[in-house]
Amino acid sequence: DLVLGYVDALNAVDEATRATIPSLERLADVLDLVRSRQIL
C-alpha cells in the first residue's frame, strides 16, 4: 500500500507541476529549469 501510495503521490506531483509549468514535458525537466536558472 505504501509503494502504491508513493506512485500515486508521484503522479500527483507530476500533474501539479505540469499544470503550474505547462512547458514541462516531464518531471525531470524541473532539473533543467533549475540548472539554467531561468525559471526555477
Full PDB file with SEQRES, HELIX, SHEET, SSBOND, CRYST1, ORIGX, SCALE, CONECT and MASTER records, all heavy atoms in Angstrom:
SEQRES   1 A   40  ASP LEU VAL LEU GLY TYR VAL ASP ALA LEU ASN ALA VAL          
SEQRES   2 A   40  ASP GLU ALA THR ARG ALA THR ILE PRO SER LEU GLU ARG          
SEQRES   3 A   40  LEU ALA ASP VAL LEU ASP LEU VAL ARG SER ARG GLN ILE          
SEQRES   4 A   40  LEU                                                          
HELIX    1 AA1 LEU A    2  THR A   20  1                                  19    
HELIX    2 AA2 ASP A   29  ARG A   35  1                                   7    
CRYST1    1.000    1.000    1.000  90.00  90.00  90.00 P 1           1          
ORIGX1      1.000000  0.000000  0.000000        0.00000                         
ORIGX2      0.000000  1.000000  0.000000        0.00000                         
ORIGX3      0.000000  0.000000  1.000000        0.00000                         
SCALE1      1.000000  0.000000  0.000000        0.00000                         
SCALE2      0.000000  1.000000  0.000000        0.00000                         
SCALE3      0.000000  0.000000  1.000000        0.00000                         
ATOM      1  N   ASP A   1       0.836  -1.206   0.000  1.00  0.00           N  
ATOM      2  CA  ASP A   1       0.000   0.000   0.000  1.00  0.00           C  
ATOM      3  C   ASP A   1       0.869   1.254   0.000  1.00  0.00           C  
ATOM      4  O   ASP A   1       0.556   2.237  -0.668  1.00  0.00           O  
ATOM      5  CB  ASP A   1      -0.930   0.025   1.218  1.00  0.00           C  
ATOM      6  CG  ASP A   1      -2.040  -1.020   1.137  1.00  0.00           C  
ATOM      7  OD1 ASP A   1      -2.269  -1.592   0.040  1.00  0.00           O  
ATOM      8  OD2 ASP A   1      -2.673  -1.269   2.181  1.00  0.00           O  
ATOM      9  N   LEU A   2       1.968   1.217   0.762  1.00  0.00           N  
ATOM     10  CA  LEU A   2       2.882   2.347   0.815  1.00  0.00           C  
ATOM     11  C   LEU A   2       3.493   2.602  -0.568  1.00  0.00           C  
ATOM     12  O   LEU A   2       3.531   3.739  -1.032  1.00  0.00           O  
ATOM     13  CB  LEU A   2       3.979   2.081   1.853  1.00  0.00           C  
ATOM     14  CG  LEU A   2       4.949   3.224   2.135  1.00  0.00           C  
ATOM     15  CD1 LEU A   2       5.478   3.113   3.552  1.00  0.00           C  
ATOM     16  CD2 LEU A   2       6.111   3.225   1.167  1.00  0.00           C  
ATOM     17  N   VAL A   3       3.948   1.548  -1.233  1.00  0.00           N  
ATOM     18  CA  VAL A   3       4.558   1.696  -2.562  1.00  0.00           C  
ATOM     19  C   VAL A   3       3.531   2.261  -3.545  1.00  0.00           C  
ATOM     20  O   VAL A   3       3.826   3.194  -4.299  1.00  0.00           O  
ATOM     21  CB  VAL A   3       5.140   0.360  -3.074  1.00  0.00           C  
ATOM     22  CG1 VAL A   3       5.626   0.501  -4.515  1.00  0.00           C  
ATOM     23  CG2 VAL A   3       6.277  -0.114  -2.175  1.00  0.00           C  
ATOM     24  N   LEU A   4       2.316   1.723  -3.533  1.00  0.00           N  
ATOM     25  CA  LEU A   4       1.271   2.226  -4.433  1.00  0.00           C  
ATOM     26  C   LEU A   4       0.915   3.678  -4.095  1.00  0.00           C  
ATOM     27  O   LEU A   4       0.673   4.488  -4.997  1.00  0.00           O  
ATOM     28  CB  LEU A   4       0.033   1.333  -4.367  1.00  0.00           C  
ATOM     29  CG  LEU A   4       0.219  -0.069  -4.947  1.00  0.00           C  
ATOM     30  CD1 LEU A   4      -0.992  -0.940  -4.646  1.00  0.00           C  
ATOM     31  CD2 LEU A   4       0.502  -0.020  -6.448  1.00  0.00           C  
ATOM     32  N   GLY A   5       0.928   4.020  -2.794  1.00  0.00           N  
ATOM     33  CA  GLY A   5       0.682   5.400  -2.382  1.00  0.00           C  
ATOM     34  C   GLY A   5       1.766   6.335  -2.888  1.00  0.00           C  
ATOM     35  O   GLY A   5       1.483   7.450  -3.336  1.00  0.00           O  
ATOM     36  N   TYR A   6       3.023   5.877  -2.838  1.00  0.00           N  
ATOM     37  CA  TYR A   6       4.141   6.673  -3.358  1.00  0.00           C  
ATOM     38  C   TYR A   6       3.952   6.927  -4.857  1.00  0.00           C  
ATOM     39  O   TYR A   6       4.106   8.052  -5.332  1.00  0.00           O  
ATOM     40  CB  TYR A   6       5.472   5.965  -3.093  1.00  0.00           C  
ATOM     41  CG  TYR A   6       6.661   6.657  -3.716  1.00  0.00           C  
ATOM     42  CD1 TYR A   6       7.389   7.608  -3.004  1.00  0.00           C  
ATOM     43  CD2 TYR A   6       7.061   6.374  -5.022  1.00  0.00           C  
ATOM     44  CE1 TYR A   6       8.471   8.257  -3.571  1.00  0.00           C  
ATOM     45  CE2 TYR A   6       8.138   7.023  -5.594  1.00  0.00           C  
ATOM     46  CZ  TYR A   6       8.837   7.962  -4.873  1.00  0.00           C  
ATOM     47  OH  TYR A   6       9.902   8.609  -5.460  1.00  0.00           O  
ATOM     48  N   VAL A   7       3.597   5.874  -5.590  1.00  0.00           N  
ATOM     49  CA  VAL A   7       3.396   6.009  -7.042  1.00  0.00           C  
ATOM     50  C   VAL A   7       2.265   7.006  -7.313  1.00  0.00           C  
ATOM     51  O   VAL A   7       2.396   7.886  -8.178  1.00  0.00           O  
ATOM     52  CB  VAL A   7       3.121   4.640  -7.695  1.00  0.00           C  
ATOM     53  CG1 VAL A   7       2.675   4.795  -9.137  1.00  0.00           C  
ATOM     54  CG2 VAL A   7       4.366   3.759  -7.611  1.00  0.00           C  
ATOM     55  N   ASP A   8       1.163   6.914  -6.569  1.00  0.00           N  
ATOM     56  CA  ASP A   8       0.056   7.866  -6.733  1.00  0.00           C  
ATOM     57  C   ASP A   8       0.510   9.284  -6.404  1.00  0.00           C  
ATOM     58  O   ASP A   8       0.168  10.234  -7.112  1.00  0.00           O  
ATOM     59  CB  ASP A   8      -1.117   7.493  -5.825  1.00  0.00           C  
ATOM     60  CG  ASP A   8      -1.886   6.271  -6.318  1.00  0.00           C  
ATOM     61  OD1 ASP A   8      -1.697   5.861  -7.496  1.00  0.00           O  
ATOM     62  OD2 ASP A   8      -2.681   5.722  -5.526  1.00  0.00           O  
ATOM     63  N   ALA A   9       1.269   9.428  -5.313  1.00  0.00           N  
ATOM     64  CA  ALA A   9       1.753  10.753  -4.904  1.00  0.00           C  
ATOM     65  C   ALA A   9       2.705  11.329  -5.950  1.00  0.00           C  
ATOM     66  O   ALA A   9       2.658  12.528  -6.257  1.00  0.00           O  
ATOM     67  CB  ALA A   9       2.433  10.669  -3.538  1.00  0.00           C  
ATOM     68  N   LEU A  10       3.556  10.477  -6.521  1.00  0.00           N  
ATOM     69  CA  LEU A  10       4.474  10.921  -7.570  1.00  0.00           C  
ATOM     70  C   LEU A  10       3.690  11.388  -8.799  1.00  0.00           C  
ATOM     71  O   LEU A  10       4.007  12.425  -9.387  1.00  0.00           O  
ATOM     72  CB  LEU A  10       5.433   9.789  -7.936  1.00  0.00           C  
ATOM     73  CG  LEU A  10       6.533  10.094  -8.942  1.00  0.00           C  
ATOM     74  CD1 LEU A  10       7.399  11.262  -8.487  1.00  0.00           C  
ATOM     75  CD2 LEU A  10       7.393   8.853  -9.168  1.00  0.00           C  
ATOM     76  N   ASN A  11       2.646  10.663  -9.155  1.00  0.00           N  
ATOM     77  CA  ASN A  11       1.791  11.080 -10.275  1.00  0.00           C  
ATOM     78  C   ASN A  11       1.105  12.409  -9.975  1.00  0.00           C  
ATOM     79  O   ASN A  11       0.984  13.265 -10.856  1.00  0.00           O  
ATOM     80  CB  ASN A  11       0.747  10.008 -10.590  1.00  0.00           C  
ATOM     81  CG  ASN A  11       1.355   8.801 -11.268  1.00  0.00           C  
ATOM     82  OD1 ASN A  11       2.389   8.883 -11.921  1.00  0.00           O  
ATOM     83  ND2 ASN A  11       0.721   7.659 -11.099  1.00  0.00           N  
ATOM     84  N   ALA A  12       0.669  12.609  -8.725  1.00  0.00           N  
ATOM     85  CA  ALA A  12       0.022  13.870  -8.341  1.00  0.00           C  
ATOM     86  C   ALA A  12       1.010  15.034  -8.437  1.00  0.00           C  
ATOM     87  O   ALA A  12       0.649  16.119  -8.908  1.00  0.00           O  
ATOM     88  CB  ALA A  12      -0.542  13.757  -6.924  1.00  0.00           C  
ATOM     89  N   VAL A  13       2.257  14.802  -8.011  1.00  0.00           N  
ATOM     90  CA  VAL A  13       3.305  15.829  -8.124  1.00  0.00           C  
ATOM     91  C   VAL A  13       3.516  16.174  -9.598  1.00  0.00           C  
ATOM     92  O   VAL A  13       3.590  17.346  -9.973  1.00  0.00           O  
ATOM     93  CB  VAL A  13       4.628  15.338  -7.482  1.00  0.00           C  
ATOM     94  CG1 VAL A  13       5.806  16.204  -7.918  1.00  0.00           C  
ATOM     95  CG2 VAL A  13       4.513  15.300  -5.976  1.00  0.00           C  
ATOM     96  N   ASP A  14       3.605  15.153 -10.438  1.00  0.00           N  
ATOM     97  CA  ASP A  14       3.811  15.347 -11.874  1.00  0.00           C  
ATOM     98  C   ASP A  14       2.673  16.185 -12.468  1.00  0.00           C  
ATOM     99  O   ASP A  14       2.917  17.157 -13.174  1.00  0.00           O  
ATOM    100  CB  ASP A  14       3.910  13.981 -12.561  1.00  0.00           C  
ATOM    101  CG  ASP A  14       4.278  14.096 -14.031  1.00  0.00           C  
ATOM    102  OD1 ASP A  14       5.193  14.879 -14.365  1.00  0.00           O  
ATOM    103  OD2 ASP A  14       3.645  13.399 -14.859  1.00  0.00           O  
ATOM    104  N   GLU A  15       1.434  15.826 -12.158  1.00  0.00           N  
ATOM    105  CA  GLU A  15       0.279  16.566 -12.687  1.00  0.00           C  
ATOM    106  C   GLU A  15       0.271  18.013 -12.199  1.00  0.00           C  
ATOM    107  O   GLU A  15       0.031  18.934 -12.984  1.00  0.00           O  
ATOM    108  CB  GLU A  15      -1.021  15.878 -12.283  1.00  0.00           C  
ATOM    109  CG  GLU A  15      -1.277  14.594 -13.038  1.00  0.00           C  
ATOM    110  CD  GLU A  15      -2.508  13.846 -12.522  1.00  0.00           C  
ATOM    111  OE1 GLU A  15      -3.363  14.468 -11.838  1.00  0.00           O  
ATOM    112  OE2 GLU A  15      -2.612  12.638 -12.805  1.00  0.00           O  
ATOM    113  N   ALA A  16       0.525  18.219 -10.909  1.00  0.00           N  
ATOM    114  CA  ALA A  16       0.516  19.572 -10.347  1.00  0.00           C  
ATOM    115  C   ALA A  16       1.627  20.426 -10.958  1.00  0.00           C  
ATOM    116  O   ALA A  16       1.426  21.605 -11.246  1.00  0.00           O  
ATOM    117  CB  ALA A  16       0.670  19.514  -8.831  1.00  0.00           C  
ATOM    118  N   THR A  17       2.790  19.811 -11.165  1.00  0.00           N  
ATOM    119  CA  THR A  17       3.920  20.538 -11.732  1.00  0.00           C  
ATOM    120  C   THR A  17       3.638  20.937 -13.174  1.00  0.00           C  
ATOM    121  O   THR A  17       3.882  22.070 -13.576  1.00  0.00           O  
ATOM    122  CB  THR A  17       5.198  19.673 -11.640  1.00  0.00           C  
ATOM    123  OG1 THR A  17       5.402  19.316 -10.277  1.00  0.00           O  
ATOM    124  CG2 THR A  17       6.407  20.425 -12.142  1.00  0.00           C  
ATOM    125  N   ARG A  18       3.088  20.010 -13.945  1.00  0.00           N  
ATOM    126  CA  ARG A  18       2.766  20.336 -15.341  1.00  0.00           C  
ATOM    127  C   ARG A  18       1.647  21.361 -15.446  1.00  0.00           C  
ATOM    128  O   ARG A  18       1.630  22.165 -16.368  1.00  0.00           O  
ATOM    129  CB  ARG A  18       2.354  19.073 -16.088  1.00  0.00           C  
ATOM    130  CG  ARG A  18       3.503  18.135 -16.341  1.00  0.00           C  
ATOM    131  CD  ARG A  18       2.977  17.013 -17.165  1.00  0.00           C  
ATOM    132  NE  ARG A  18       3.716  15.787 -17.021  1.00  0.00           N  
ATOM    133  CZ  ARG A  18       3.967  15.005 -18.056  1.00  0.00           C  
ATOM    134  NH1 ARG A  18       3.559  15.341 -19.253  1.00  0.00           N  
ATOM    135  NH2 ARG A  18       4.615  13.885 -17.876  1.00  0.00           N  
ATOM    136  N   ALA A  19       0.704  21.332 -14.502  1.00  0.00           N  
ATOM    137  CA  ALA A  19      -0.380  22.326 -14.506  1.00  0.00           C  
ATOM    138  C   ALA A  19       0.177  23.715 -14.212  1.00  0.00           C  
ATOM    139  O   ALA A  19      -0.280  24.709 -14.770  1.00  0.00           O  
ATOM    140  CB  ALA A  19      -1.443  21.944 -13.475  1.00  0.00           C  
ATOM    141  N   THR A  20       1.195  23.789 -13.344  1.00  0.00           N  
ATOM    142  CA  THR A  20       1.794  25.068 -12.974  1.00  0.00           C  
ATOM    143  C   THR A  20       2.779  25.558 -14.036  1.00  0.00           C  
ATOM    144  O   THR A  20       2.872  26.753 -14.293  1.00  0.00           O  
ATOM    145  CB  THR A  20       2.520  24.931 -11.613  1.00  0.00           C  
ATOM    146  OG1 THR A  20       1.585  24.417 -10.647  1.00  0.00           O  
ATOM    147  CG2 THR A  20       3.045  26.261 -11.133  1.00  0.00           C  
ATOM    148  N   ILE A  21       3.515  24.614 -14.639  1.00  0.00           N  
ATOM    149  CA  ILE A  21       4.520  24.966 -15.659  1.00  0.00           C  
ATOM    150  C   ILE A  21       4.183  24.173 -16.930  1.00  0.00           C  
ATOM    151  O   ILE A  21       4.734  23.087 -17.163  1.00  0.00           O  
ATOM    152  CB  ILE A  21       5.950  24.635 -15.177  1.00  0.00           C  
ATOM    153  CG1 ILE A  21       6.215  25.258 -13.804  1.00  0.00           C  
ATOM    154  CG2 ILE A  21       6.990  25.132 -16.189  1.00  0.00           C  
ATOM    155  CD1 ILE A  21       7.493  24.770 -13.159  1.00  0.00           C  
ATOM    156  N   PRO A  22       3.255  24.691 -17.747  1.00  0.00           N  
ATOM    157  CA  PRO A  22       2.787  23.930 -18.918  1.00  0.00           C  
ATOM    158  C   PRO A  22       3.871  23.539 -19.914  1.00  0.00           C  
ATOM    159  O   PRO A  22       3.702  22.576 -20.662  1.00  0.00           O  
ATOM    160  CB  PRO A  22       1.767  24.882 -19.569  1.00  0.00           C  
ATOM    161  CG  PRO A  22       1.349  25.809 -18.474  1.00  0.00           C  
ATOM    162  CD  PRO A  22       2.548  25.948 -17.580  1.00  0.00           C  
ATOM    163  N   SER A  23       5.015  24.239 -19.906  1.00  0.00           N  
ATOM    164  CA  SER A  23       6.080  23.911 -20.861  1.00  0.00           C  
ATOM    165  C   SER A  23       6.803  22.610 -20.497  1.00  0.00           C  
ATOM    166  O   SER A  23       7.568  22.087 -21.311  1.00  0.00           O  
ATOM    167  CB  SER A  23       7.085  25.059 -20.951  1.00  0.00           C  
ATOM    168  OG  SER A  23       7.719  25.245 -19.693  1.00  0.00           O  
ATOM    169  N   LEU A  24       6.590  22.091 -19.290  1.00  0.00           N  
ATOM    170  CA  LEU A  24       7.255  20.847 -18.882  1.00  0.00           C  
ATOM    171  C   LEU A  24       6.722  19.674 -19.685  1.00  0.00           C  
ATOM    172  O   LEU A  24       5.520  19.476 -19.778  1.00  0.00           O  
ATOM    173  CB  LEU A  24       7.003  20.538 -17.401  1.00  0.00           C  
ATOM    174  CG  LEU A  24       7.800  21.267 -16.347  1.00  0.00           C  
ATOM    175  CD1 LEU A  24       7.501  20.669 -14.983  1.00  0.00           C  
ATOM    176  CD2 LEU A  24       9.269  21.230 -16.606  1.00  0.00           C  
ATOM    177  N   GLU A  25       7.646  18.892 -20.246  1.00  0.00           N  
ATOM    178  CA  GLU A  25       7.241  17.668 -20.934  1.00  0.00           C  
ATOM    179  C   GLU A  25       7.233  16.502 -19.963  1.00  0.00           C  
ATOM    180  O   GLU A  25       6.496  15.553 -20.121  1.00  0.00           O  
ATOM    181  CB  GLU A  25       8.169  17.384 -22.105  1.00  0.00           C  
ATOM    182  CG  GLU A  25       7.954  18.358 -23.255  1.00  0.00           C  
ATOM    183  CD  GLU A  25       8.830  18.028 -24.446  1.00  0.00           C  
ATOM    184  OE1 GLU A  25       9.118  16.838 -24.678  1.00  0.00           O  
ATOM    185  OE2 GLU A  25       9.217  18.975 -25.142  1.00  0.00           O  
ATOM    186  N   ARG A  26       8.107  16.575 -18.958  1.00  0.00           N  
ATOM    187  CA  ARG A  26       8.210  15.515 -17.949  1.00  0.00           C  
ATOM    188  C   ARG A  26       8.782  16.132 -16.683  1.00  0.00           C  
ATOM    189  O   ARG A  26       9.391  17.212 -16.716  1.00  0.00           O  
ATOM    190  CB  ARG A  26       9.078  14.368 -18.460  1.00  0.00           C  
ATOM    191  CG  ARG A  26      10.456  14.847 -18.822  1.00  0.00           C  
ATOM    192  CD  ARG A  26      11.268  13.852 -19.544  1.00  0.00           C  
ATOM    193  NE  ARG A  26      12.579  14.469 -19.734  1.00  0.00           N  
ATOM    194  CZ  ARG A  26      13.583  13.903 -20.305  1.00  0.00           C  
ATOM    195  NH1 ARG A  26      13.472  12.683 -20.755  1.00  0.00           N  
ATOM    196  NH2 ARG A  26      14.730  14.521 -20.436  1.00  0.00           N  
ATOM    197  N   LEU A  27       8.588  15.438 -15.577  1.00  0.00           N  
ATOM    198  CA  LEU A  27       9.007  15.969 -14.282  1.00  0.00           C  
ATOM    199  C   LEU A  27      10.510  16.245 -14.227  1.00  0.00           C  
ATOM    200  O   LEU A  27      10.945  17.207 -13.611  1.00  0.00           O  
ATOM    201  CB  LEU A  27       8.597  14.973 -13.181  1.00  0.00           C  
ATOM    202  CG  LEU A  27       8.568  15.492 -11.754  1.00  0.00           C  
ATOM    203  CD1 LEU A  27       7.719  16.752 -11.620  1.00  0.00           C  
ATOM    204  CD2 LEU A  27       8.045  14.418 -10.819  1.00  0.00           C  
ATOM    205  N   ALA A  28      11.310  15.430 -14.904  1.00  0.00           N  
ATOM    206  CA  ALA A  28      12.771  15.615 -14.888  1.00  0.00           C  
ATOM    207  C   ALA A  28      13.191  16.973 -15.443  1.00  0.00           C  
ATOM    208  O   ALA A  28      14.276  17.460 -15.135  1.00  0.00           O  
ATOM    209  CB  ALA A  28      13.447  14.495 -15.679  1.00  0.00           C  
ATOM    210  N   ASP A  29      12.323  17.599 -16.243  1.00  0.00           N  
ATOM    211  CA  ASP A  29      12.657  18.904 -16.802  1.00  0.00           C  
ATOM    212  C   ASP A  29      12.803  19.977 -15.729  1.00  0.00           C  
ATOM    213  O   ASP A  29      13.396  21.020 -15.972  1.00  0.00           O  
ATOM    214  CB  ASP A  29      11.607  19.332 -17.835  1.00  0.00           C  
ATOM    215  CG  ASP A  29      11.614  18.439 -19.070  1.00  0.00           C  
ATOM    216  OD1 ASP A  29      12.614  17.711 -19.286  1.00  0.00           O  
ATOM    217  OD2 ASP A  29      10.614  18.448 -19.810  1.00  0.00           O  
ATOM    218  N   VAL A  30      12.279  19.710 -14.519  1.00  0.00           N  
ATOM    219  CA  VAL A  30      12.479  20.636 -13.400  1.00  0.00           C  
ATOM    220  C   VAL A  30      13.977  20.861 -13.175  1.00  0.00           C  
ATOM    221  O   VAL A  30      14.420  21.985 -12.937  1.00  0.00           O  
ATOM    222  CB  VAL A  30      11.803  20.090 -12.113  1.00  0.00           C  
ATOM    223  CG1 VAL A  30      12.271  20.848 -10.883  1.00  0.00           C  
ATOM    224  CG2 VAL A  30      10.284  20.163 -12.244  1.00  0.00           C  
ATOM    225  N   LEU A  31      14.779  19.790 -13.290  1.00  0.00           N  
ATOM    226  CA  LEU A  31      16.228  19.927 -13.096  1.00  0.00           C  
ATOM    227  C   LEU A  31      16.827  20.890 -14.118  1.00  0.00           C  
ATOM    228  O   LEU A  31      17.660  21.728 -13.768  1.00  0.00           O  
ATOM    229  CB  LEU A  31      16.925  18.567 -13.205  1.00  0.00           C  
ATOM    230  CG  LEU A  31      16.576  17.514 -12.160  1.00  0.00           C  
ATOM    231  CD1 LEU A  31      17.425  16.263 -12.375  1.00  0.00           C  
ATOM    232  CD2 LEU A  31      16.736  18.035 -10.761  1.00  0.00           C  
ATOM    233  N   ASP A  32      16.408  20.765 -15.374  1.00  0.00           N  
ATOM    234  CA  ASP A  32      16.927  21.659 -16.417  1.00  0.00           C  
ATOM    235  C   ASP A  32      16.550  23.113 -16.135  1.00  0.00           C  
ATOM    236  O   ASP A  32      17.360  24.017 -16.341  1.00  0.00           O  
ATOM    237  CB  ASP A  32      16.400  21.244 -17.792  1.00  0.00           C  
ATOM    238  CG  ASP A  32      16.891  19.868 -18.212  1.00  0.00           C  
ATOM    239  OD1 ASP A  32      17.980  19.449 -17.749  1.00  0.00           O  
ATOM    240  OD2 ASP A  32      16.182  19.204 -19.000  1.00  0.00           O  
ATOM    241  N   LEU A  33      15.303  23.320 -15.677  1.00  0.00           N  
ATOM    242  CA  LEU A  33      14.855  24.686 -15.383  1.00  0.00           C  
ATOM    243  C   LEU A  33      15.651  25.289 -14.227  1.00  0.00           C  
ATOM    244  O   LEU A  33      15.937  26.481 -14.219  1.00  0.00           O  
ATOM    245  CB  LEU A  33      13.360  24.703 -15.062  1.00  0.00           C  
ATOM    246  CG  LEU A  33      12.430  24.320 -16.204  1.00  0.00           C  
ATOM    247  CD1 LEU A  33      10.986  24.319 -15.729  1.00  0.00           C  
ATOM    248  CD2 LEU A  33      12.600  25.264 -17.391  1.00  0.00           C  
ATOM    249  N   VAL A  34      16.023  24.470 -13.264  1.00  0.00           N  
ATOM    250  CA  VAL A  34      16.829  24.960 -12.140  1.00  0.00           C  
ATOM    251  C   VAL A  34      18.261  25.211 -12.594  1.00  0.00           C  
ATOM    252  O   VAL A  34      18.842  26.255 -12.303  1.00  0.00           O  
ATOM    253  CB  VAL A  34      16.797  23.957 -10.964  1.00  0.00           C  
ATOM    254  CG1 VAL A  34      17.852  24.291  -9.928  1.00  0.00           C  
ATOM    255  CG2 VAL A  34      15.416  23.943 -10.328  1.00  0.00           C  
ATOM    256  N   ARG A  35      18.828  24.265 -13.344  1.00  0.00           N  
ATOM    257  CA  ARG A  35      20.228  24.409 -13.776  1.00  0.00           C  
ATOM    258  C   ARG A  35      20.417  25.590 -14.715  1.00  0.00           C  
ATOM    259  O   ARG A  35      21.457  26.234 -14.710  1.00  0.00           O  
ATOM    260  CB  ARG A  35      20.700  23.116 -14.433  1.00  0.00           C  
ATOM    261  CG  ARG A  35      20.860  22.027 -13.393  1.00  0.00           C  
ATOM    262  CD  ARG A  35      21.411  20.738 -13.959  1.00  0.00           C  
ATOM    263  NE  ARG A  35      21.512  19.759 -12.883  1.00  0.00           N  
ATOM    264  CZ  ARG A  35      21.074  18.520 -12.962  1.00  0.00           C  
ATOM    265  NH1 ARG A  35      20.533  18.071 -14.084  1.00  0.00           N  
ATOM    266  NH2 ARG A  35      21.183  17.706 -11.943  1.00  0.00           N  
ATOM    267  N   SER A  36      19.406  25.881 -15.540  1.00  0.00           N  
ATOM    268  CA  SER A  36      19.514  27.015 -16.454  1.00  0.00           C  
ATOM    269  C   SER A  36      19.264  28.337 -15.730  1.00  0.00           C  
ATOM    270  O   SER A  36      19.499  29.403 -16.283  1.00  0.00           O  
ATOM    271  CB  SER A  36      18.522  26.858 -17.606  1.00  0.00           C  
ATOM    272  OG  SER A  36      17.190  26.995 -17.118  1.00  0.00           O  
ATOM    273  N   ARG A  37      18.757  28.244 -14.495  1.00  0.00           N  
ATOM    274  CA  ARG A  37      18.457  29.416 -13.659  1.00  0.00           C  
ATOM    275  C   ARG A  37      17.496  30.385 -14.333  1.00  0.00           C  
ATOM    276  O   ARG A  37      17.489  31.573 -14.030  1.00  0.00           O  
ATOM    277  CB  ARG A  37      19.738  30.149 -13.265  1.00  0.00           C  
ATOM    278  CG  ARG A  37      20.639  29.333 -12.376  1.00  0.00           C  
ATOM    279  CD  ARG A  37      21.851  30.144 -11.946  1.00  0.00           C  
ATOM    280  NE  ARG A  37      22.689  29.406 -11.033  1.00  0.00           N  
ATOM    281  CZ  ARG A  37      23.586  28.499 -11.405  1.00  0.00           C  
ATOM    282  NH1 ARG A  37      23.748  28.220 -12.670  1.00  0.00           N  
ATOM    283  NH2 ARG A  37      24.321  27.878 -10.505  1.00  0.00           N  
ATOM    284  N   GLN A  38      16.697  29.885 -15.263  1.00  0.00           N  
ATOM    285  CA  GLN A  38      15.790  30.789 -15.967  1.00  0.00           C  
ATOM    286  C   GLN A  38      14.441  30.912 -15.266  1.00  0.00           C  
ATOM    287  O   GLN A  38      13.889  31.999 -15.168  1.00  0.00           O  
ATOM    288  CB  GLN A  38      15.562  30.313 -17.400  1.00  0.00           C  
ATOM    289  CG  GLN A  38      16.800  30.430 -18.247  1.00  0.00           C  
ATOM    290  CD  GLN A  38      16.604  29.836 -19.624  1.00  0.00           C  
ATOM    291  OE1 GLN A  38      15.702  29.044 -19.845  1.00  0.00           O  
ATOM    292  NE2 GLN A  38      17.458  30.210 -20.546  1.00  0.00           N  
ATOM    293  N   ILE A  39      13.896  29.787 -14.813  1.00  0.00           N  
ATOM    294  CA  ILE A  39      12.533  29.824 -14.289  1.00  0.00           C  
ATOM    295  C   ILE A  39      12.478  29.490 -12.806  1.00  0.00           C  
ATOM    296  O   ILE A  39      11.786  30.151 -12.044  1.00  0.00           O  
ATOM    297  CB  ILE A  39      11.631  28.847 -15.082  1.00  0.00           C  
ATOM    298  CG1 ILE A  39      11.564  29.305 -16.538  1.00  0.00           C  
ATOM    299  CG2 ILE A  39      10.247  28.774 -14.481  1.00  0.00           C  
ATOM    300  CD1 ILE A  39      10.767  28.397 -17.430  1.00  0.00           C  
ATOM    301  N   LEU A  40      13.229  28.481 -12.403  1.00  0.00           N  
ATOM    302  CA  LEU A  40      13.124  27.998 -11.028  1.00  0.00           C  
ATOM    303  C   LEU A  40      14.434  28.136 -10.268  1.00  0.00           C  
ATOM    304  O   LEU A  40      15.502  27.924 -10.828  1.00  0.00           O  
ATOM    305  CB  LEU A  40      12.737  26.507 -11.027  1.00  0.00           C  
ATOM    306  CG  LEU A  40      11.374  26.139 -11.599  1.00  0.00           C  
ATOM    307  CD1 LEU A  40      11.220  24.623 -11.625  1.00  0.00           C  
ATOM    308  CD2 LEU A  40      10.264  26.765 -10.793  1.00  0.00           C  
TER     309      LEU A  40                                                      
MASTER        0    0    0    2    0    0    0    6  308    1    0    4          
END                                                                             
